[in-house]
Amino acid sequence: MSKSPANYRPETRLVHSGTLRSQYGETSEALFLTQGYVYSSAEECEARFKGEDPGFIYSRYSNPTIAMFERRMIELEGAEAARSAATGMAAVTTAILAPLKAGDHVVASRALFGSCLYVIQDLLPRYGIETTLVDGANLDEWQRAVKPNTKTFFLESPTNPTLDVLDIPSIAEIAHKGGARLVVDNVFATPIWQSPLALGADVVVYSATKHIDGQGRCLGGIILSSEAFIAEHIHNFMRQTGPSISPFNAWVLLKGLETLGVRVRAQTDTAARIADVLASHPKIARLIYPGREDHPQAALVRKQMRGGSTLVGFEVKGGKAAAFRVLNELKLAKISNNLGDAKSLVTHPATTTHQRLKPEDRAALGISEGFIRFSAGLEHADDLIEDLTAALEKA
């Protein structure tokens, strides 16, 4: 008896889900580089625009290649619907902003990627949307922040860059009791290790630029949720405002999904080995990795994640000068503000992704001048460990 696609395991869905084949029967997904579409009659065109005839109208909001990428992500994530976007930040901004109006209120974790923090702190208030930042790990703060006009909770877990893990089920429960929805940025966990919708979240967003592409080639983002949320809030917003992904980028991301499970598992194994070595290194003041028992939320990691992370955070003794010496001595791992790549990448958050924060705000988040975020690639773990330990000798 054949299985339905929903019953296949993630690795199988990553290869086969959503594939549409043309009359030529191509093996690889077809790349439809077209802006628009033609119709056999004026009546068919009218029916298409009225929504009475299924089909594609304009590639700003509908395209066969993009549809395949969205369907594959839907089946992987366990969502009902999705819309892809030009970048991860386009997905985040749309997911948060599209359902809101002036007078609404948003509660978000204080530990966010710098651009996400900009959306919450700077952008939303310009349009009359009130915002409150909380300590994401403190459930009482989430509860106290709820107001009658609260519509959205937003968080990352694990957080960028300090890899705190937030209690998604408990935060979702608080949001729902207050009449709000929970939007989760799941980039650091990836859909391989965490399923926020199954944990109670209402909306999941990804920067597909990271692990989903995984090879530093293109930008992309995606929003996944219920049919009702996508239809009511996201589809028309994206159709009219146009933060569209290109068909080419969607095709690249489709091919990236085929190897996502293999890459993420290998990168996680490498990150775990690196974390174990660095944890006892005399020049490391602090090590944080979600797969270790000394992680501050280790019990929560076991409860809501299926694996650790491809990222390791560590603080070098000696502050910024020592951290810079380590970064500059690395031969394999490259300095970059990206992550989730086949190549190992290192970032100094205090001077890059979180440089716009005040020093006291960075300190409150645990982003010290000596803190480094390491994204494990697909190199041999021993080579990376040797590279890191040699660089630390110069710290």
Foldseek 3Di string as FASTA:
>chain_A
DDDDLLPDDLLVLLQDWLADDDPVRDPAHDQDQDFADDDPDPVVLVCPVVVNDDDDGGQLFDDSLQRSLFRSVCSLQVFAGKGKFQALLVQLLQLPPQVDAAPAEEEEELQAWQSSVCCQPPVQVVRNYHYHYDNQQDLVRLLVPQDLRYAEYEYEALGPPQRDGGQLLSSLVSQVVSNYAYEYEDAFQPSLWFRSVVSRHAKYKYFCCAQLLQANDHTMMMMGGYPCCCVPGNRVVSVVPRSGHGSVVSSSSSVSSSCSNVWWVLLQVLQVVLQVVLVPDPQWPDKAWQQDPPHPPVVSSVVGTPGIGSKIKTFGPPFQVLLVLLQVQFDQEHDDPGANHLGKHKYLCCVPRPVVDDPVSCVVVVRTRRMMMIGGHNDPSVVRNVRNVVSNVRD
